N, C-alpha and C. Protein backbone atom coordinates (compact mmCIF):
# COMPACT_ATOMS: atom_id res chain seq x y z
N MET A 1 -30.92 1.42 -12.06
CA MET A 1 -29.44 1.61 -11.23
C MET A 1 -28.99 0.99 -10.13
N SER A 2 -27.70 0.29 -10.23
CA SER A 2 -27.22 -0.54 -9.42
C SER A 2 -26.69 -0.07 -8.26
N ALA A 3 -26.68 -0.09 -7.13
CA ALA A 3 -26.20 0.07 -5.71
C ALA A 3 -24.31 -0.41 -5.80
N SER A 4 -23.90 0.41 -5.27
CA SER A 4 -22.22 -0.17 -5.63
C SER A 4 -21.55 -0.68 -4.06
N ALA A 5 -20.76 -1.03 -4.29
CA ALA A 5 -20.25 -2.15 -3.18
C ALA A 5 -19.61 -1.37 -2.06
N PRO A 6 -19.95 -1.44 -0.90
CA PRO A 6 -19.28 -0.55 0.35
C PRO A 6 -17.84 -0.90 0.30
N PHE A 7 -16.94 -0.07 0.81
CA PHE A 7 -15.99 -0.19 1.24
C PHE A 7 -15.48 0.23 2.21
N ASN A 8 -14.65 -0.46 2.82
CA ASN A 8 -13.88 0.23 4.00
C ASN A 8 -12.27 1.04 3.50
N ARG A 9 -12.39 2.29 4.61
CA ARG A 9 -11.13 3.30 3.98
C ARG A 9 -10.09 2.95 4.94
N LEU A 10 -9.00 2.61 4.66
CA LEU A 10 -7.77 1.99 5.05
C LEU A 10 -7.10 3.67 6.08
N ILE A 11 -6.68 3.62 7.00
CA ILE A 11 -5.66 4.79 7.26
C ILE A 11 -4.10 4.21 7.30
N VAL A 12 -3.33 4.60 6.66
CA VAL A 12 -1.73 4.11 6.26
C VAL A 12 -1.23 5.13 6.73
N ARG A 13 -0.49 4.71 7.62
CA ARG A 13 1.02 5.89 8.32
C ARG A 13 2.59 5.45 7.67
N ALA A 14 2.85 6.07 7.00
CA ALA A 14 3.90 5.23 6.55
C ALA A 14 5.32 6.69 6.95
N VAL A 15 6.03 5.91 7.51
CA VAL A 15 7.27 6.42 8.36
C VAL A 15 8.84 5.77 7.37
N LEU A 16 9.47 6.92 7.11
CA LEU A 16 10.70 6.61 6.23
C LEU A 16 11.36 5.82 7.87
N ARG A 17 12.02 4.64 7.53
CA ARG A 17 12.95 4.36 8.24
C ARG A 17 14.37 5.01 8.15
N ASN A 18 15.28 4.70 9.40
CA ASN A 18 16.49 5.23 9.17
C ASN A 18 16.96 6.80 8.28
N VAL A 19 15.75 7.64 9.00
CA VAL A 19 15.71 8.95 8.59
C VAL A 19 15.78 9.57 9.87
N SER A 20 16.75 10.85 9.86
CA SER A 20 16.73 11.68 11.12
C SER A 20 16.50 13.35 10.65
N PRO A 21 15.38 13.87 11.36
CA PRO A 21 14.27 13.48 11.64
C PRO A 21 13.32 12.81 11.46
N MET A 22 12.19 12.08 12.26
CA MET A 22 11.80 11.00 11.41
C MET A 22 10.42 11.68 10.44
N VAL A 23 10.48 11.05 9.26
CA VAL A 23 9.73 11.50 8.01
C VAL A 23 8.53 10.68 8.36
N MET A 24 7.48 11.16 8.33
CA MET A 24 5.97 10.63 8.80
C MET A 24 4.52 11.31 7.71
N ARG A 25 4.06 10.62 7.34
CA ARG A 25 2.76 10.48 6.40
C ARG A 25 1.56 9.74 7.00
N VAL A 26 0.25 10.63 6.87
CA VAL A 26 -0.66 9.49 7.21
C VAL A 26 -1.86 9.95 5.98
N VAL A 27 -2.04 8.87 5.33
CA VAL A 27 -2.51 8.68 4.39
C VAL A 27 -4.21 7.72 4.29
N ALA A 28 -5.59 8.15 3.71
CA ALA A 28 -6.50 7.62 3.61
C ALA A 28 -6.98 7.01 2.12
N VAL A 29 -6.98 5.62 2.05
CA VAL A 29 -7.09 4.90 0.81
C VAL A 29 -8.62 3.51 0.96
N PRO A 30 -8.98 3.83 -0.05
CA PRO A 30 -9.77 2.57 -0.07
C PRO A 30 -9.30 1.46 0.02
N ASP A 31 -10.15 0.31 0.53
CA ASP A 31 -9.42 -1.18 0.69
C ASP A 31 -9.65 -1.67 -1.00
N TYR A 32 -10.46 -0.82 -1.89
CA TYR A 32 -10.70 -2.02 -3.04
C TYR A 32 -9.43 -1.39 -4.07
N LEU A 33 -8.37 -1.12 -3.49
CA LEU A 33 -7.16 -0.82 -4.56
C LEU A 33 -6.47 -1.86 -4.94
N ASP A 34 -5.93 -2.44 -5.97
CA ASP A 34 -5.38 -3.66 -6.03
C ASP A 34 -3.74 -3.37 -5.78
N LEU A 35 -2.74 -3.82 -5.13
CA LEU A 35 -1.49 -3.17 -4.83
C LEU A 35 -0.76 -2.58 -5.72
N PRO A 36 -1.09 -2.85 -7.66
CA PRO A 36 -0.42 -1.71 -8.57
C PRO A 36 -0.90 -0.49 -8.30
N THR A 37 -2.08 -0.47 -8.09
CA THR A 37 -2.80 1.27 -7.64
C THR A 37 -2.35 1.46 -6.64
N PHE A 38 -2.45 1.03 -5.57
CA PHE A 38 -1.84 1.50 -4.33
C PHE A 38 -0.74 2.12 -4.45
N ASP A 39 0.60 1.44 -5.11
CA ASP A 39 1.47 1.66 -5.37
C ASP A 39 1.64 3.30 -6.16
N GLU A 40 0.92 3.07 -7.20
CA GLU A 40 0.92 4.61 -7.57
C GLU A 40 0.43 5.65 -7.11
N VAL A 41 -0.82 5.54 -6.27
CA VAL A 41 -1.42 6.61 -5.42
C VAL A 41 -0.32 7.27 -4.78
N PHE A 42 0.32 5.95 -3.66
CA PHE A 42 1.15 6.17 -2.43
C PHE A 42 2.38 6.94 -3.19
N ARG A 43 2.78 6.47 -4.38
CA ARG A 43 4.20 7.53 -4.90
C ARG A 43 3.54 8.86 -4.96
N ALA A 44 2.61 8.95 -6.07
CA ALA A 44 2.45 9.88 -6.27
C ALA A 44 2.09 11.48 -5.11
N ILE A 45 1.28 10.62 -4.19
CA ILE A 45 1.21 11.79 -2.58
C ILE A 45 2.45 12.09 -2.42
N LEU A 46 3.60 11.14 -2.57
CA LEU A 46 4.43 11.38 -1.66
C LEU A 46 5.27 11.68 -2.77
N GLY A 47 5.36 11.93 -4.14
CA GLY A 47 6.32 13.01 -5.24
C GLY A 47 7.27 12.12 -5.10
N TRP A 48 7.27 10.47 -4.97
CA TRP A 48 8.45 10.02 -5.36
C TRP A 48 8.44 9.09 -6.77
N ASP A 49 9.10 8.90 -7.24
CA ASP A 49 9.27 8.07 -8.98
C ASP A 49 9.98 6.35 -8.01
N GLY A 50 9.90 5.77 -9.20
CA GLY A 50 10.03 4.24 -8.73
C GLY A 50 9.76 3.29 -9.75
N LEU A 51 10.28 1.87 -9.44
CA LEU A 51 10.11 1.02 -10.34
C LEU A 51 9.73 0.06 -10.43
N GLY A 52 9.41 -0.29 -9.06
CA GLY A 52 7.90 -1.23 -8.68
C GLY A 52 7.91 -1.11 -7.13
N PHE A 53 7.25 -2.60 -6.51
CA PHE A 53 7.52 -2.03 -5.09
C PHE A 53 7.62 -3.78 -4.47
N ILE A 54 7.70 -3.63 -3.04
CA ILE A 54 7.77 -5.00 -2.43
C ILE A 54 6.80 -5.00 -1.38
N LEU A 55 5.89 -5.55 -1.17
CA LEU A 55 5.07 -5.60 -0.02
C LEU A 55 4.77 -6.85 0.72
N ARG A 56 5.15 -6.37 2.59
CA ARG A 56 5.36 -7.61 2.88
C ARG A 56 4.11 -7.63 4.04
N VAL A 57 3.18 -8.65 4.36
CA VAL A 57 2.12 -8.55 4.91
C VAL A 57 1.81 -10.25 5.49
N HIS A 58 1.56 -10.00 6.59
CA HIS A 58 0.94 -11.81 7.15
C HIS A 58 2.07 -12.61 6.56
N GLY A 59 3.20 -12.06 6.45
CA GLY A 59 4.32 -13.55 6.63
C GLY A 59 4.69 -13.79 4.95
N GLN A 60 3.50 -13.00 4.50
CA GLN A 60 4.14 -13.41 2.40
C GLN A 60 4.42 -11.67 2.03
N GLU A 61 5.51 -12.10 0.89
CA GLU A 61 5.86 -11.15 0.31
C GLU A 61 5.29 -10.94 -1.32
N TYR A 62 4.90 -10.00 -1.67
CA TYR A 62 4.11 -9.40 -3.20
C TYR A 62 5.13 -8.63 -3.58
N ASN A 63 5.06 -9.01 -4.89
CA ASN A 63 5.98 -7.83 -5.33
C ASN A 63 5.71 -7.45 -6.88
N SER A 64 5.86 -6.14 -7.18
CA SER A 64 5.23 -5.61 -8.89
C SER A 64 5.38 -6.39 -9.77
N PHE A 65 6.43 -7.40 -9.87
CA PHE A 65 6.69 -7.96 -11.10
C PHE A 65 6.31 -9.49 -11.10
N ARG A 66 5.41 -9.79 -10.04
CA ARG A 66 4.40 -11.14 -9.98
C ARG A 66 3.33 -11.05 -10.21
N ARG A 67 2.51 -11.69 -11.28
CA ARG A 67 1.10 -11.58 -11.28
C ARG A 67 0.49 -11.66 -10.18
N ARG A 68 0.72 -12.35 -9.42
CA ARG A 68 -0.33 -12.55 -8.40
C ARG A 68 -0.46 -11.08 -7.56
N ALA A 69 0.35 -10.20 -7.57
CA ALA A 69 0.21 -9.12 -6.64
C ALA A 69 -0.68 -7.92 -7.42
N ARG A 70 -0.85 -8.38 -8.89
CA ARG A 70 -2.09 -7.66 -9.33
C ARG A 70 -3.25 -7.68 -9.22
N SER A 71 -3.30 -8.75 -8.87
CA SER A 71 -4.96 -9.38 -8.68
C SER A 71 -5.22 -8.93 -7.10
N GLU A 72 -4.28 -9.19 -5.91
CA GLU A 72 -4.52 -8.54 -4.91
C GLU A 72 -5.03 -7.25 -4.29
N THR A 73 -6.30 -7.05 -3.81
CA THR A 73 -6.65 -5.70 -3.44
C THR A 73 -6.13 -5.55 -2.04
N LEU A 74 -6.11 -4.22 -1.07
CA LEU A 74 -5.95 -3.88 0.23
C LEU A 74 -6.88 -4.63 1.01
N GLY A 75 -8.16 -4.79 0.60
CA GLY A 75 -8.90 -5.23 1.54
C GLY A 75 -8.87 -6.83 1.88
N ASP A 76 -8.32 -7.27 0.60
CA ASP A 76 -8.08 -8.92 0.56
C ASP A 76 -6.79 -9.32 1.91
N PHE A 77 -6.16 -8.55 2.55
CA PHE A 77 -5.29 -8.78 3.69
C PHE A 77 -5.96 -9.01 5.03
N GLN A 78 -7.46 -7.91 5.15
CA GLN A 78 -7.97 -7.97 6.29
C GLN A 78 -7.18 -7.57 7.50
N LEU A 79 -6.87 -6.38 6.98
CA LEU A 79 -5.64 -5.64 8.28
C LEU A 79 -6.50 -5.01 9.39
N GLY A 80 -6.00 -5.43 10.28
CA GLY A 80 -6.83 -4.84 11.62
C GLY A 80 -6.03 -3.32 12.00
N PRO A 81 -6.99 -3.21 13.14
CA PRO A 81 -6.06 -1.86 13.49
C PRO A 81 -4.84 -1.97 14.25
N HIS A 82 -4.11 -1.20 14.09
CA HIS A 82 -2.27 -1.59 14.45
C HIS A 82 -1.62 -2.35 14.04
N GLU A 83 -2.11 -3.08 12.74
CA GLU A 83 -1.48 -3.80 11.92
C GLU A 83 -0.52 -3.38 11.33
N ILE A 84 1.04 -4.22 10.81
CA ILE A 84 1.74 -3.26 9.97
C ILE A 84 2.00 -4.15 9.29
N PHE A 85 2.49 -3.52 8.00
CA PHE A 85 2.60 -4.28 6.96
C PHE A 85 4.06 -3.19 5.79
N LEU A 86 4.86 -4.13 5.71
CA LEU A 86 6.38 -3.29 5.19
C LEU A 86 6.37 -2.96 3.34
N TYR A 87 6.47 -1.59 2.97
CA TYR A 87 6.19 -1.38 1.77
C TYR A 87 7.34 -0.62 1.36
N ASN A 88 8.19 -1.45 0.29
CA ASN A 88 9.31 -0.65 0.01
C ASN A 88 9.29 -0.19 -1.31
N LEU A 89 9.88 0.37 -1.62
CA LEU A 89 10.02 1.12 -3.00
C LEU A 89 11.29 0.90 -4.14
N ARG A 90 11.13 -0.36 -4.70
CA ARG A 90 12.16 -0.34 -5.76
C ARG A 90 12.69 0.80 -6.55
N GLY A 91 14.01 0.84 -7.03
CA GLY A 91 14.37 2.33 -7.42
C GLY A 91 14.10 3.27 -6.88
N HIS A 92 14.21 3.86 -5.94
CA HIS A 92 14.14 5.24 -5.27
C HIS A 92 15.00 5.58 -4.69
């Protein structure tokens, strides 16, 4: 029996911009999620549909239509406490 690799849990706080009153959700996700899977999970939790995503983190942009974004995991970004990334849902 092989031991599984440990993972970190990320606490993600989502705030909808330009909405009053403020709408906020807090979810915990494992850092091994790749970006397309994170997008699916996040949309499912919030009950959203959409056609893709744009993610901006550490000054770089990743989107659902680029191959590079398919292989990146949340853990690859090595986000620290209180770091912010921007997630835009396309087609919502």
